[in-house]
N, C-alpha and C. Protein backbone atom coordinates (compact mmCIF):
# COMPACT_ATOMS: atom_id res chain seq x y z
N MET A 1 -11.15 18.14 24.63
CA MET A 1 -11.85 17.65 23.46
C MET A 1 -10.86 16.97 22.53
N LYS A 2 -11.04 15.70 22.30
CA LYS A 2 -10.15 14.95 21.43
C LYS A 2 -10.44 15.30 19.97
N ARG A 3 -9.38 15.57 19.21
CA ARG A 3 -9.52 15.91 17.80
C ARG A 3 -8.90 14.81 16.94
N THR A 4 -9.43 14.64 15.75
CA THR A 4 -8.87 13.70 14.79
C THR A 4 -7.63 14.32 14.15
N LEU A 5 -6.60 13.51 13.96
CA LEU A 5 -5.39 13.97 13.26
C LEU A 5 -5.48 13.54 11.81
N VAL A 6 -5.33 14.51 10.91
CA VAL A 6 -5.36 14.24 9.47
C VAL A 6 -3.97 14.55 8.92
N GLN A 7 -3.33 13.55 8.33
CA GLN A 7 -1.97 13.73 7.83
C GLN A 7 -1.99 14.15 6.37
N SER A 8 -1.32 15.24 6.05
CA SER A 8 -1.17 15.65 4.65
C SER A 8 -0.06 14.80 4.04
N ALA A 9 -0.03 14.73 2.71
CA ALA A 9 1.03 14.00 2.01
C ALA A 9 2.40 14.60 2.34
N ALA A 10 2.45 15.92 2.46
CA ALA A 10 3.71 16.59 2.79
C ALA A 10 4.19 16.18 4.19
N PHE A 11 3.25 16.03 5.12
CA PHE A 11 3.62 15.62 6.47
C PHE A 11 4.20 14.20 6.46
N VAL A 12 3.58 13.30 5.71
CA VAL A 12 4.06 11.92 5.64
C VAL A 12 5.48 11.88 5.09
N ARG A 13 5.74 12.63 4.01
CA ARG A 13 7.09 12.68 3.44
C ARG A 13 8.08 13.29 4.42
N ALA A 14 7.70 14.38 5.06
CA ALA A 14 8.59 15.04 6.02
C ALA A 14 8.86 14.15 7.22
N ALA A 15 7.86 13.40 7.66
CA ALA A 15 8.04 12.50 8.80
C ALA A 15 9.04 11.39 8.46
N ARG A 16 8.93 10.84 7.26
CA ARG A 16 9.89 9.80 6.85
C ARG A 16 11.31 10.35 6.86
N ARG A 17 11.49 11.55 6.28
CA ARG A 17 12.83 12.16 6.25
C ARG A 17 13.34 12.44 7.66
N ALA A 18 12.49 13.04 8.48
CA ALA A 18 12.91 13.43 9.84
C ALA A 18 13.26 12.21 10.68
N LEU A 19 12.48 11.15 10.56
CA LEU A 19 12.73 9.96 11.38
C LEU A 19 13.97 9.20 10.90
N LYS A 20 14.30 9.35 9.63
CA LYS A 20 15.55 8.76 9.13
C LYS A 20 16.74 9.51 9.72
N LYS A 21 16.64 10.85 9.75
CA LYS A 21 17.73 11.68 10.28
C LYS A 21 17.83 11.59 11.79
N HIS A 22 16.69 11.44 12.47
CA HIS A 22 16.63 11.46 13.93
C HIS A 22 15.91 10.21 14.44
N PRO A 23 16.52 9.02 14.32
CA PRO A 23 15.84 7.79 14.71
C PRO A 23 15.46 7.74 16.19
N ALA A 24 16.16 8.47 17.03
CA ALA A 24 15.83 8.48 18.47
C ALA A 24 14.45 9.11 18.71
N SER A 25 14.02 9.97 17.82
CA SER A 25 12.72 10.63 17.97
C SER A 25 11.56 9.73 17.58
N ALA A 26 11.83 8.63 16.91
CA ALA A 26 10.77 7.74 16.45
C ALA A 26 9.94 7.20 17.61
N ALA A 27 10.57 6.98 18.75
CA ALA A 27 9.85 6.44 19.90
C ALA A 27 8.92 7.46 20.53
N SER A 28 9.30 8.72 20.53
CA SER A 28 8.49 9.74 21.20
C SER A 28 7.42 10.36 20.31
N LEU A 29 7.53 10.21 18.99
CA LEU A 29 6.57 10.84 18.10
C LEU A 29 5.13 10.35 18.30
N PRO A 30 4.86 9.05 18.42
CA PRO A 30 3.47 8.61 18.65
C PRO A 30 2.87 9.21 19.92
N ALA A 31 3.65 9.31 20.98
CA ALA A 31 3.15 9.89 22.23
C ALA A 31 2.85 11.38 22.05
N THR A 32 3.70 12.08 21.29
CA THR A 32 3.47 13.50 21.02
C THR A 32 2.19 13.69 20.21
N LEU A 33 2.00 12.87 19.18
CA LEU A 33 0.79 12.97 18.35
C LEU A 33 -0.47 12.65 19.16
N ALA A 34 -0.38 11.66 20.06
CA ALA A 34 -1.52 11.33 20.91
C ALA A 34 -1.85 12.50 21.84
N ALA A 35 -0.83 13.13 22.39
CA ALA A 35 -1.06 14.29 23.27
C ALA A 35 -1.65 15.45 22.48
N LEU A 36 -1.18 15.65 21.25
CA LEU A 36 -1.70 16.72 20.40
C LEU A 36 -3.18 16.49 20.09
N ALA A 37 -3.55 15.26 19.82
CA ALA A 37 -4.96 14.94 19.53
C ALA A 37 -5.82 15.16 20.77
N GLU A 38 -5.29 14.83 21.94
CA GLU A 38 -6.04 14.96 23.19
C GLU A 38 -6.23 16.41 23.60
N ASP A 39 -5.13 17.19 23.59
CA ASP A 39 -5.19 18.60 23.98
C ASP A 39 -4.01 19.32 23.35
N ALA A 40 -4.27 20.06 22.29
CA ALA A 40 -3.21 20.73 21.53
C ALA A 40 -2.47 21.80 22.34
N PHE A 41 -3.03 22.18 23.46
CA PHE A 41 -2.42 23.26 24.23
C PHE A 41 -1.82 22.78 25.55
N LEU A 42 -1.44 21.52 25.62
CA LEU A 42 -0.73 21.03 26.80
C LEU A 42 0.59 21.80 26.92
N PRO A 43 0.95 22.22 28.11
CA PRO A 43 2.20 22.99 28.27
C PRO A 43 3.44 22.26 27.73
N ALA A 44 3.48 20.95 27.85
CA ALA A 44 4.65 20.20 27.40
C ALA A 44 4.84 20.30 25.88
N LEU A 45 3.77 20.56 25.14
CA LEU A 45 3.87 20.66 23.68
C LEU A 45 4.40 22.01 23.21
N LYS A 46 4.32 23.02 24.06
CA LYS A 46 4.79 24.37 23.73
C LYS A 46 4.15 24.88 22.43
N THR A 47 2.84 24.68 22.31
CA THR A 47 2.10 25.08 21.11
C THR A 47 2.09 26.60 20.98
N HIS A 48 2.35 27.06 19.76
CA HIS A 48 2.35 28.50 19.50
C HIS A 48 1.89 28.79 18.08
N LYS A 49 1.29 29.96 17.91
CA LYS A 49 0.79 30.42 16.62
C LYS A 49 1.97 30.93 15.79
N LEU A 50 1.90 30.69 14.48
CA LEU A 50 2.99 31.12 13.60
C LEU A 50 2.62 32.40 12.87
N LYS A 51 3.65 33.11 12.44
CA LYS A 51 3.48 34.39 11.72
C LYS A 51 4.12 34.28 10.35
N GLY A 52 4.01 35.36 9.60
CA GLY A 52 4.67 35.42 8.29
C GLY A 52 4.04 34.49 7.28
N GLU A 53 4.88 33.76 6.52
CA GLU A 53 4.39 32.86 5.49
C GLU A 53 3.52 31.75 6.06
N LEU A 54 3.73 31.39 7.31
CA LEU A 54 2.97 30.31 7.93
C LEU A 54 1.82 30.83 8.80
N ALA A 55 1.43 32.08 8.60
CA ALA A 55 0.33 32.65 9.39
C ALA A 55 -0.92 31.79 9.21
N GLY A 56 -1.61 31.56 10.30
CA GLY A 56 -2.79 30.70 10.28
C GLY A 56 -2.47 29.29 10.73
N SER A 57 -1.20 28.95 10.77
CA SER A 57 -0.77 27.63 11.23
C SER A 57 -0.25 27.73 12.65
N TRP A 58 -0.10 26.58 13.27
CA TRP A 58 0.42 26.47 14.63
C TRP A 58 1.59 25.49 14.61
N ALA A 59 2.41 25.53 15.63
CA ALA A 59 3.52 24.60 15.76
C ALA A 59 3.59 24.11 17.20
N CYS A 60 4.10 22.90 17.36
CA CYS A 60 4.34 22.37 18.70
C CYS A 60 5.65 21.60 18.68
N SER A 61 6.18 21.38 19.85
CA SER A 61 7.43 20.67 20.01
C SER A 61 7.19 19.17 19.99
N ALA A 62 8.06 18.45 19.27
CA ALA A 62 7.98 16.98 19.22
C ALA A 62 9.31 16.39 19.66
N GLY A 63 9.95 17.06 20.58
CA GLY A 63 11.26 16.63 21.04
C GLY A 63 12.17 17.83 21.12
N TYR A 64 13.44 17.60 21.36
CA TYR A 64 14.38 18.70 21.56
C TYR A 64 14.37 19.68 20.40
N ASP A 65 14.57 19.19 19.17
CA ASP A 65 14.65 20.11 18.04
C ASP A 65 13.60 19.82 16.96
N LEU A 66 12.71 18.88 17.18
CA LEU A 66 11.68 18.59 16.18
C LEU A 66 10.43 19.41 16.44
N ARG A 67 9.82 19.89 15.36
CA ARG A 67 8.59 20.67 15.45
C ARG A 67 7.55 20.06 14.52
N ILE A 68 6.29 20.13 14.92
CA ILE A 68 5.17 19.73 14.09
C ILE A 68 4.39 21.00 13.75
N VAL A 69 4.16 21.23 12.47
CA VAL A 69 3.37 22.37 12.02
C VAL A 69 1.99 21.83 11.65
N PHE A 70 0.94 22.49 12.13
CA PHE A 70 -0.42 22.01 11.91
C PHE A 70 -1.41 23.15 11.83
N GLU A 71 -2.63 22.83 11.41
CA GLU A 71 -3.75 23.78 11.35
C GLU A 71 -4.96 23.13 11.97
N PHE A 72 -5.82 23.93 12.54
CA PHE A 72 -7.12 23.46 13.01
C PHE A 72 -8.08 23.56 11.82
N VAL A 73 -8.74 22.45 11.46
CA VAL A 73 -9.64 22.41 10.31
C VAL A 73 -10.92 21.67 10.68
N GLN A 74 -11.91 21.76 9.80
CA GLN A 74 -13.13 20.96 9.92
C GLN A 74 -12.94 19.71 9.07
N HIS A 75 -13.22 18.54 9.65
CA HIS A 75 -13.11 17.28 8.93
C HIS A 75 -14.28 16.40 9.32
N GLU A 76 -15.10 16.06 8.34
CA GLU A 76 -16.28 15.23 8.57
C GLU A 76 -17.17 15.81 9.67
N GLY A 77 -17.36 17.12 9.64
CA GLY A 77 -18.26 17.79 10.56
C GLY A 77 -17.74 18.02 11.96
N ALA A 78 -16.47 17.73 12.19
CA ALA A 78 -15.90 17.93 13.53
C ALA A 78 -14.56 18.65 13.39
N GLU A 79 -14.13 19.28 14.47
CA GLU A 79 -12.83 19.95 14.45
C GLU A 79 -11.73 18.90 14.44
N ALA A 80 -10.75 19.11 13.57
CA ALA A 80 -9.63 18.18 13.44
C ALA A 80 -8.33 18.98 13.34
N ILE A 81 -7.23 18.25 13.36
CA ILE A 81 -5.91 18.86 13.22
C ILE A 81 -5.28 18.32 11.95
N LEU A 82 -4.96 19.23 11.02
CA LEU A 82 -4.30 18.86 9.78
C LEU A 82 -2.80 19.00 9.99
N LEU A 83 -2.10 17.87 9.99
CA LEU A 83 -0.65 17.86 10.18
C LEU A 83 0.00 18.25 8.86
N GLN A 84 0.78 19.33 8.86
CA GLN A 84 1.35 19.87 7.63
C GLN A 84 2.81 19.51 7.43
N SER A 85 3.61 19.54 8.50
CA SER A 85 5.04 19.32 8.34
C SER A 85 5.65 18.86 9.66
N LEU A 86 6.79 18.22 9.54
CA LEU A 86 7.57 17.76 10.70
C LEU A 86 9.03 17.91 10.35
N GLY A 87 9.79 18.49 11.24
CA GLY A 87 11.22 18.63 11.01
C GLY A 87 11.87 19.47 12.08
N THR A 88 13.13 19.77 11.86
CA THR A 88 13.84 20.62 12.82
C THR A 88 13.33 22.06 12.68
N HIS A 89 13.72 22.88 13.60
CA HIS A 89 13.32 24.29 13.59
C HIS A 89 13.66 24.93 12.24
N GLU A 90 14.86 24.71 11.75
CA GLU A 90 15.29 25.32 10.49
C GLU A 90 14.52 24.76 9.29
N GLU A 91 14.15 23.48 9.33
CA GLU A 91 13.47 22.85 8.20
C GLU A 91 12.01 23.32 8.05
N VAL A 92 11.31 23.55 9.13
CA VAL A 92 9.88 23.85 9.02
C VAL A 92 9.57 25.33 9.03
N TYR A 93 10.46 26.19 9.52
CA TYR A 93 10.14 27.61 9.58
C TYR A 93 10.76 28.36 8.45
């Protein structure tokens, strides 16, 4: 089931910062986001539920050290993915 991706303002800011620091990841990010929209639980994404302060959110891999933090939400009457943050493991957790 394909889901709509909704970008939060925080995600947009974090993506700009992350892509400046890691320009090599810029090429793979669109493919990762497309895969996330198509099936959030593809094995290659390594999607996992988060605990602690980020309980209720999920994370997936967007490259060697980049992670995308997101939530499943309702948007315009359909299930969507709210993109919350993008960064290295240390930056997002």
